[in-house]
Amino acid sequence: MRMSFRATCAVALVLCTAVAPAAAAEAGPDQDFTLEDTRITESSGLAASRAHPGVYWTHNDQDQPRVFAVDSRTGRTVATVTLRGVGTPRDMEAISVGPDGNVYVGDIGDNLDGTWDHVWIYRFPEPKTLKDRTVEATQYDVKYADGPRNAEALMVHPKTGRVYIASKHEDGGGLYEGPAKLTTKGTNTFRRVAEVPWVTDGAFSPDGKQLLLRGYLMARVYEWNGGRLGADRSVGAPFQGQAESVTYTLDGSAAMFGSEGTRSRVLRVDLDDARPDDGPTTSPPSGNGGADADAGGQGDRNGQDGQGQGSFGLGVVVLAVATALVVGFKRLLRRD
């Protein structure tokens, strides 16, 4: 039965690829690229390096405590960083680079929606030179004020350094705000400050004025108003079989979308030709909204400008089927 299920997934993903727009073939940094390292089979998070323009950090979800620095010009791994001083990861799902010069890794996945009474965040200094190395990392215990949940998105605000997590659920999740400063002396409690869609990753814009959230079938940019979610607009997310990651380019002009799988593609979507769609899909939260003091505009790209509407509709249907099959297959494997 498992082989038959795998074969069905493969057929669905092939169909999805067939209707997807052709990837750009431009060379250079921050363009489409392929993760060439065959050790990267489940790229679950993506973050643009602050110290090394054109380099992106990524990691597998169920792996040893390590992350990979990938040069977007070639798609090749230029450094493998192993984390020392942390436990055995359970489900690493997200990565973000903070304004303090540190890389944050979210070991926050919980595929049984409430198995873990706490999860972890790992932090290590972004290396000044890129080479294979082992670094000392700090481990933070994390829990949610309203109980355990599954999550795949961790975002560090680029101005305040505050950490946020977006939970993942078919009926929608929550945006959780961490304490002003993480501590190793106790558990860090994250509190729900907003409602969000089914999210698999997210990222703040480099200026801190926007929050980009992606799911399997959507991506939306929200205005970030003093810690509150403001108006939101659609972004033309690419069709990807297991749509797990997103980050802004270092200059904020585009979003880079990643997917799981061996030699998976990272695809660029420009954000400077934004236009509004039919309106917001969520309302701003009514809670205290947190303590960040940044407010500002937003950018997006709808990606549905009337060209290829037939293939777009077919693509949505095929991708929905493929996503359901892949997610179901992963859950079956992890419950065995």
Protein backbone atom coordinates (compact mmCIF):
# COMPACT_ATOMS: atom_id res chain seq x y z
CA MET A 1 0.00 0.00 0.00
CA ARG A 2 2.83 2.38 0.78
CA MET A 3 4.41 1.89 -2.64
CA SER A 4 1.08 2.60 -4.30
CA PHE A 5 0.66 5.74 -2.22
CA ARG A 6 4.17 6.92 -3.11
CA ALA A 7 3.50 6.32 -6.80
CA THR A 8 0.30 8.39 -6.59
CA CYS A 9 2.22 11.24 -4.97
CA ALA A 10 4.81 11.12 -7.72
CA VAL A 11 2.17 11.31 -10.47
CA ALA A 12 0.47 14.27 -8.76
CA LEU A 13 3.74 16.15 -8.36
CA VAL A 14 4.69 15.54 -11.99
CA LEU A 15 1.34 17.00 -13.07
CA CYS A 16 1.86 19.97 -10.76
CA THR A 17 5.27 20.62 -12.28
CA ALA A 18 3.84 20.40 -15.78
CA VAL A 19 1.42 23.29 -15.23
CA ALA A 20 3.82 25.47 -13.22
CA PRO A 21 5.39 28.53 -14.85
CA ALA A 22 8.87 28.00 -16.21
CA ALA A 23 11.61 28.97 -13.74
CA ALA A 24 13.86 31.88 -14.63
CA ALA A 25 17.21 30.85 -16.04
CA GLU A 26 19.02 34.06 -15.06
CA ALA A 27 22.39 33.58 -13.43
CA GLY A 28 23.56 35.65 -10.50
CA PRO A 29 22.79 36.02 -6.80
CA ASP A 30 19.23 35.95 -5.47
CA GLN A 31 17.78 34.38 -8.61
CA ASP A 32 16.19 30.94 -8.96
CA PHE A 33 18.59 28.20 -7.95
CA THR A 34 18.73 24.48 -7.17
CA LEU A 35 19.92 23.05 -3.86
CA GLU A 36 22.66 20.87 -5.31
CA ASP A 37 23.74 19.21 -2.04
CA THR A 38 22.12 15.74 -1.98
CA ARG A 39 22.26 15.77 1.83
CA ILE A 40 19.54 18.44 1.74
CA THR A 41 16.45 16.29 1.21
CA GLU A 42 13.88 18.13 3.37
CA SER A 43 14.68 21.82 3.12
CA SER A 44 12.19 23.12 5.67
CA GLY A 45 13.44 26.64 6.31
CA LEU A 46 15.20 29.37 4.37
CA ALA A 47 16.91 32.59 5.50
CA ALA A 48 19.05 35.13 3.68
CA SER A 49 22.45 35.59 5.26
CA ARG A 50 23.11 39.09 6.61
CA ALA A 51 26.88 38.64 6.62
CA HIS A 52 27.24 37.00 3.19
CA PRO A 53 25.08 38.50 0.41
CA GLY A 54 23.76 35.90 -2.00
CA VAL A 55 24.05 33.09 0.56
CA TYR A 56 21.01 31.36 2.09
CA TRP A 57 20.77 29.22 5.21
CA THR A 58 18.66 26.06 5.14
CA HIS A 59 18.31 22.76 6.99
CA ASN A 60 16.49 19.43 6.97
CA ASP A 61 13.58 18.95 9.36
CA GLN A 62 14.52 15.59 10.89
CA ASP A 63 18.30 15.55 10.99
CA GLN A 64 21.30 15.99 13.22
CA PRO A 65 21.80 19.54 14.60
CA ARG A 66 23.28 21.14 11.49
CA VAL A 67 22.49 23.82 8.94
CA PHE A 68 23.77 24.50 5.44
CA ALA A 69 24.95 27.75 3.85
CA VAL A 70 24.14 27.68 0.12
CA ASP A 71 25.49 30.08 -2.50
CA SER A 72 22.55 31.11 -4.69
CA ARG A 73 24.90 31.73 -7.64
CA THR A 74 25.76 28.05 -7.92
CA GLY A 75 23.31 26.24 -5.62
CA ARG A 76 26.28 24.61 -3.90
CA THR A 77 26.79 24.30 -0.16
CA VAL A 78 29.66 26.53 0.92
CA ALA A 79 29.52 25.68 4.64
CA THR A 80 28.00 23.03 6.87
CA VAL A 81 27.62 24.28 10.44
CA THR A 82 27.10 21.71 13.19
CA LEU A 83 25.59 22.92 16.46
CA ARG A 84 27.21 21.87 19.72
CA GLY A 85 25.59 22.22 23.13
CA VAL A 86 22.02 21.41 22.06
CA GLY A 87 19.98 18.22 22.35
CA THR A 88 18.91 15.87 19.58
CA PRO A 89 16.52 17.77 17.31
CA ARG A 90 12.98 16.47 16.96
CA ASP A 91 11.61 18.46 14.01
CA MET A 92 13.53 21.53 12.85
CA GLU A 93 11.13 23.54 10.71
CA ALA A 94 12.34 27.14 10.45
CA ILE A 95 15.37 29.40 10.38
CA SER A 96 15.81 33.17 10.65
CA VAL A 97 18.69 35.64 11.01
CA GLY A 98 18.31 38.26 13.72
CA PRO A 99 19.64 41.82 14.00
CA ASP A 100 22.04 40.64 16.73
CA GLY A 101 24.13 38.75 14.16
CA ASN A 102 22.77 35.38 15.27
CA VAL A 103 21.01 32.62 13.36
CA TYR A 104 17.88 31.19 15.00
CA VAL A 105 16.66 27.66 14.25
CA GLY A 106 13.15 26.62 15.26
CA ASP A 107 12.88 23.00 16.43
CA ILE A 108 9.15 23.63 16.64
CA GLY A 109 7.45 20.93 14.55
CA ASP A 110 4.87 18.65 16.18
CA ASN A 111 3.17 16.47 13.60
CA LEU A 112 0.75 14.99 16.16
CA ASP A 113 -0.52 18.48 17.13
CA GLY A 114 0.21 18.55 20.84
CA THR A 115 2.61 15.73 21.62
CA TRP A 116 5.36 17.99 22.97
CA ASP A 117 4.73 20.11 26.06
CA HIS A 118 7.67 22.26 24.98
CA VAL A 119 9.77 22.88 21.87
CA TRP A 120 13.17 24.46 21.28
CA ILE A 121 14.87 27.37 19.60
CA TYR A 122 18.61 27.15 18.87
CA ARG A 123 20.77 30.25 18.40
CA PHE A 124 24.33 30.58 17.13
CA PRO A 125 26.48 33.46 15.80
CA GLU A 126 26.50 33.74 12.03
CA PRO A 127 30.08 32.84 11.00
CA LYS A 128 32.20 35.63 9.53
CA THR A 129 33.85 33.17 7.17
CA LEU A 130 32.09 30.32 5.44
CA LYS A 131 33.63 26.90 5.95
CA ASP A 132 32.61 23.62 7.57
CA ARG A 133 32.74 24.05 11.34
CA THR A 134 31.21 23.17 14.69
CA VAL A 135 29.90 26.09 16.76
CA GLU A 136 28.60 26.54 20.29
CA ALA A 137 24.85 27.10 20.22
CA THR A 138 22.36 28.25 22.83
CA GLN A 139 19.17 26.26 23.38
CA TYR A 140 15.94 27.88 24.58
CA ASP A 141 12.92 26.00 25.93
CA VAL A 142 9.63 27.29 24.51
CA LYS A 143 5.97 26.69 25.31
CA TYR A 144 2.71 28.32 24.22
CA ALA A 145 0.44 30.07 26.70
CA ASP A 146 -2.61 28.25 25.29
CA GLY A 147 -1.09 24.78 25.11
CA PRO A 148 1.03 22.64 22.75
CA ARG A 149 0.65 22.89 18.98
CA ASN A 150 2.37 22.24 15.69
CA ALA A 151 4.36 25.05 14.05
CA GLU A 152 6.64 25.47 11.05
CA ALA A 153 7.28 29.23 10.91
CA LEU A 154 9.70 31.20 13.10
CA MET A 155 10.48 34.85 12.38
CA VAL A 156 12.90 37.22 14.13
CA HIS A 157 11.99 40.89 13.79
CA PRO A 158 14.92 42.66 12.08
CA LYS A 159 14.71 45.77 14.29
CA THR A 160 13.63 44.62 17.75
CA GLY A 161 15.06 41.08 17.67
CA ARG A 162 11.80 39.73 19.07
CA VAL A 163 10.95 36.16 18.03
CA TYR A 164 7.55 35.15 16.62
CA ILE A 165 6.13 31.72 15.76
CA ALA A 166 3.16 30.93 13.53
CA SER A 167 1.36 27.69 14.33
CA LYS A 168 0.11 25.38 11.60
CA HIS A 169 -3.37 23.88 11.41
CA GLU A 170 -5.77 23.03 8.59
CA ASP A 171 -8.40 25.35 10.10
CA GLY A 172 -5.92 28.19 10.55
CA GLY A 173 -3.26 28.92 13.11
CA GLY A 174 -2.07 31.63 15.42
CA LEU A 175 0.76 34.13 15.48
CA TYR A 176 2.66 33.86 18.77
CA GLU A 177 4.91 36.52 20.27
CA GLY A 178 7.87 35.56 22.40
CA PRO A 179 9.23 37.52 25.36
CA ALA A 180 11.22 40.69 24.67
CA LYS A 181 14.39 38.71 25.38
CA LEU A 182 14.79 34.93 25.35
CA THR A 183 16.24 33.34 28.48
CA THR A 184 18.03 30.08 29.23
CA LYS A 185 17.02 30.23 32.92
CA GLY A 186 13.47 29.02 32.41
CA THR A 187 10.78 28.36 29.84
CA ASN A 188 10.02 31.08 27.32
CA THR A 189 6.25 31.49 26.98
CA PHE A 190 4.88 32.59 23.60
CA ARG A 191 1.46 34.28 23.60
CA ARG A 192 -1.09 34.32 20.79
CA VAL A 193 -1.50 37.81 19.31
CA ALA A 194 -3.24 37.16 15.97
CA GLU A 195 -5.04 34.63 13.81
CA VAL A 196 -3.32 33.50 10.61
CA PRO A 197 -4.01 31.01 7.77
CA TRP A 198 -2.44 27.55 7.44
CA VAL A 199 1.23 28.59 7.48
CA THR A 200 4.33 26.57 6.60
CA ASP A 201 6.87 29.41 6.87
CA GLY A 202 7.22 33.16 7.20
CA ALA A 203 9.68 36.05 7.18
CA PHE A 204 9.87 39.72 8.08
CA SER A 205 10.96 42.18 5.42
CA PRO A 206 14.44 43.62 6.05
CA ASP A 207 12.95 46.98 7.11
CA GLY A 208 10.59 45.25 9.55
CA LYS A 209 7.47 46.81 8.02
CA GLN A 210 6.00 43.66 6.46
CA LEU A 211 5.39 40.07 7.49
CA LEU A 212 5.24 37.48 4.71
CA LEU A 213 3.49 34.18 5.46
CA ARG A 214 3.24 31.23 3.07
CA GLY A 215 1.27 28.01 3.03
CA TYR A 216 0.91 25.18 0.55
CA LEU A 217 -1.43 27.11 -1.72
CA MET A 218 -0.97 30.76 -0.78
CA ALA A 219 1.36 33.54 0.31
CA ARG A 220 0.31 36.83 1.87
CA VAL A 221 2.08 40.00 2.95
CA TYR A 222 0.79 41.79 6.06
CA GLU A 223 1.50 45.30 7.19
CA TRP A 224 3.35 45.19 10.51
CA ASN A 225 1.97 47.97 12.70
CA GLY A 226 3.63 48.16 16.11
CA GLY A 227 3.38 44.42 16.60
CA ARG A 228 -0.11 44.14 15.11
CA LEU A 229 -1.08 42.62 11.77
CA GLY A 230 -2.49 45.20 9.39
CA ALA A 231 -3.94 44.95 5.90
CA ASP A 232 -2.87 41.90 3.92
CA ARG A 233 -2.44 41.21 0.23
CA SER A 234 -1.78 38.19 -1.92
CA VAL A 235 1.63 37.29 -3.36
CA GLY A 236 1.95 35.13 -6.46
CA ALA A 237 3.52 32.12 -4.78
CA PRO A 238 4.96 29.52 -7.19
CA PHE A 239 3.56 26.00 -7.45
CA GLN A 240 5.76 23.68 -5.39
CA GLY A 241 5.07 20.09 -4.37
CA GLN A 242 5.99 20.45 -0.68
CA ALA A 243 5.96 24.20 -0.14
CA GLU A 244 7.92 24.55 3.10
CA SER A 245 9.98 27.74 3.15
CA VAL A 246 10.18 31.42 2.27
CA THR A 247 12.45 34.40 2.98
CA TYR A 248 13.06 37.90 1.69
CA THR A 249 16.13 38.74 -0.34
CA LEU A 250 18.58 40.88 1.62
CA ASP A 251 17.46 44.05 -0.21
CA GLY A 252 13.76 43.27 0.33
CA SER A 253 12.91 43.45 -3.37
CA ALA A 254 11.82 39.82 -3.73
CA ALA A 255 10.80 36.70 -1.87
CA MET A 256 12.57 33.36 -2.27
CA PHE A 257 10.29 30.31 -2.08
CA GLY A 258 11.68 26.85 -1.27
CA SER A 259 10.43 23.28 -1.23
CA GLU A 260 11.39 19.89 0.15
CA GLY A 261 12.98 17.14 -1.94
CA THR A 262 16.40 16.22 -3.26
CA ARG A 263 17.78 18.95 -5.55
CA SER A 264 14.71 21.07 -4.89
CA ARG A 265 14.34 24.51 -6.47
CA VAL A 266 14.32 27.89 -4.74
CA LEU A 267 12.26 30.35 -6.79
CA ARG A 268 12.36 34.14 -6.78
CA VAL A 269 9.17 36.24 -6.83
CA ASP A 270 9.64 40.00 -7.26
CA LEU A 271 7.62 42.14 -4.87
CA ASP A 272 7.98 45.58 -6.47
CA ASP A 273 5.12 45.20 -8.95
CA ALA A 274 2.47 44.73 -6.31
CA ARG A 275 -1.18 45.47 -6.80
CA PRO A 276 -4.13 44.94 -4.42
CA ASP A 277 -6.45 41.99 -4.76
CA ASP A 278 -10.06 41.67 -3.58
CA GLY A 279 -9.20 42.59 0.01
CA PRO A 280 -7.86 41.09 3.21
CA THR A 281 -8.52 37.49 4.15
CA THR A 282 -8.08 38.12 7.86
CA SER A 283 -8.95 40.88 10.27
CA PRO A 284 -6.36 42.61 12.45
CA PRO A 285 -6.24 41.03 15.90
CA SER A 286 -7.94 42.65 18.87
CA GLY A 287 -5.27 41.70 21.43
CA ASN A 288 -2.51 43.91 22.78
CA GLY A 289 -0.46 43.11 19.66
CA GLY A 290 2.95 43.04 21.32
CA ALA A 291 5.63 45.59 21.93
CA ASP A 292 7.31 46.27 18.58
CA ALA A 293 7.20 49.93 17.57
CA ASP A 294 7.67 49.62 13.81
CA ALA A 295 4.92 50.61 11.39
CA GLY A 296 4.93 50.90 7.66
CA GLY A 297 3.83 49.89 4.22
CA GLN A 298 3.91 46.67 2.32
CA GLY A 299 4.60 45.15 -1.06
CA ASP A 300 3.25 42.15 -2.91
CA ARG A 301 2.73 40.59 -6.25
CA ASN A 302 -0.59 39.00 -7.01
CA GLY A 303 0.78 36.80 -9.76
CA GLN A 304 -2.68 36.34 -11.35
CA ASP A 305 -2.75 39.17 -13.85
CA GLY A 306 -4.92 37.46 -16.42
CA GLN A 307 -2.19 35.50 -18.17
CA GLY A 308 -2.49 31.74 -18.04
CA GLN A 309 -5.75 31.68 -16.04
CA GLY A 310 -6.60 28.23 -17.34
CA SER A 311 -3.33 26.70 -16.23
CA PHE A 312 -3.59 28.58 -12.94
CA GLY A 313 -6.94 26.97 -12.13
CA LEU A 314 -5.73 23.54 -13.15
CA GLY A 315 -2.55 24.08 -11.18
CA VAL A 316 -4.48 24.87 -8.02
CA VAL A 317 -6.52 21.68 -8.31
CA VAL A 318 -3.50 19.50 -9.03
CA LEU A 319 -1.42 21.12 -6.31
CA ALA A 320 -4.21 20.68 -3.78
CA VAL A 321 -4.33 16.96 -4.53
CA ALA A 322 -0.54 16.66 -4.48
CA THR A 323 -0.28 18.53 -1.20
CA ALA A 324 -2.89 16.39 0.51
CA LEU A 325 -1.17 13.22 -0.66
CA VAL A 326 2.33 14.34 0.35
CA VAL A 327 1.25 15.62 3.75
CA GLY A 328 -0.72 12.46 4.40
CA PHE A 329 2.21 10.32 3.33
CA LYS A 330 4.63 12.15 5.64
CA ARG A 331 2.24 11.73 8.55
CA LEU A 332 1.90 8.04 7.89
CA LEU A 333 5.67 7.62 7.88
CA ARG A 334 6.13 9.56 11.09
CA ARG A 335 3.45 7.65 12.94
CA ASP A 336 4.97 4.27 12.07
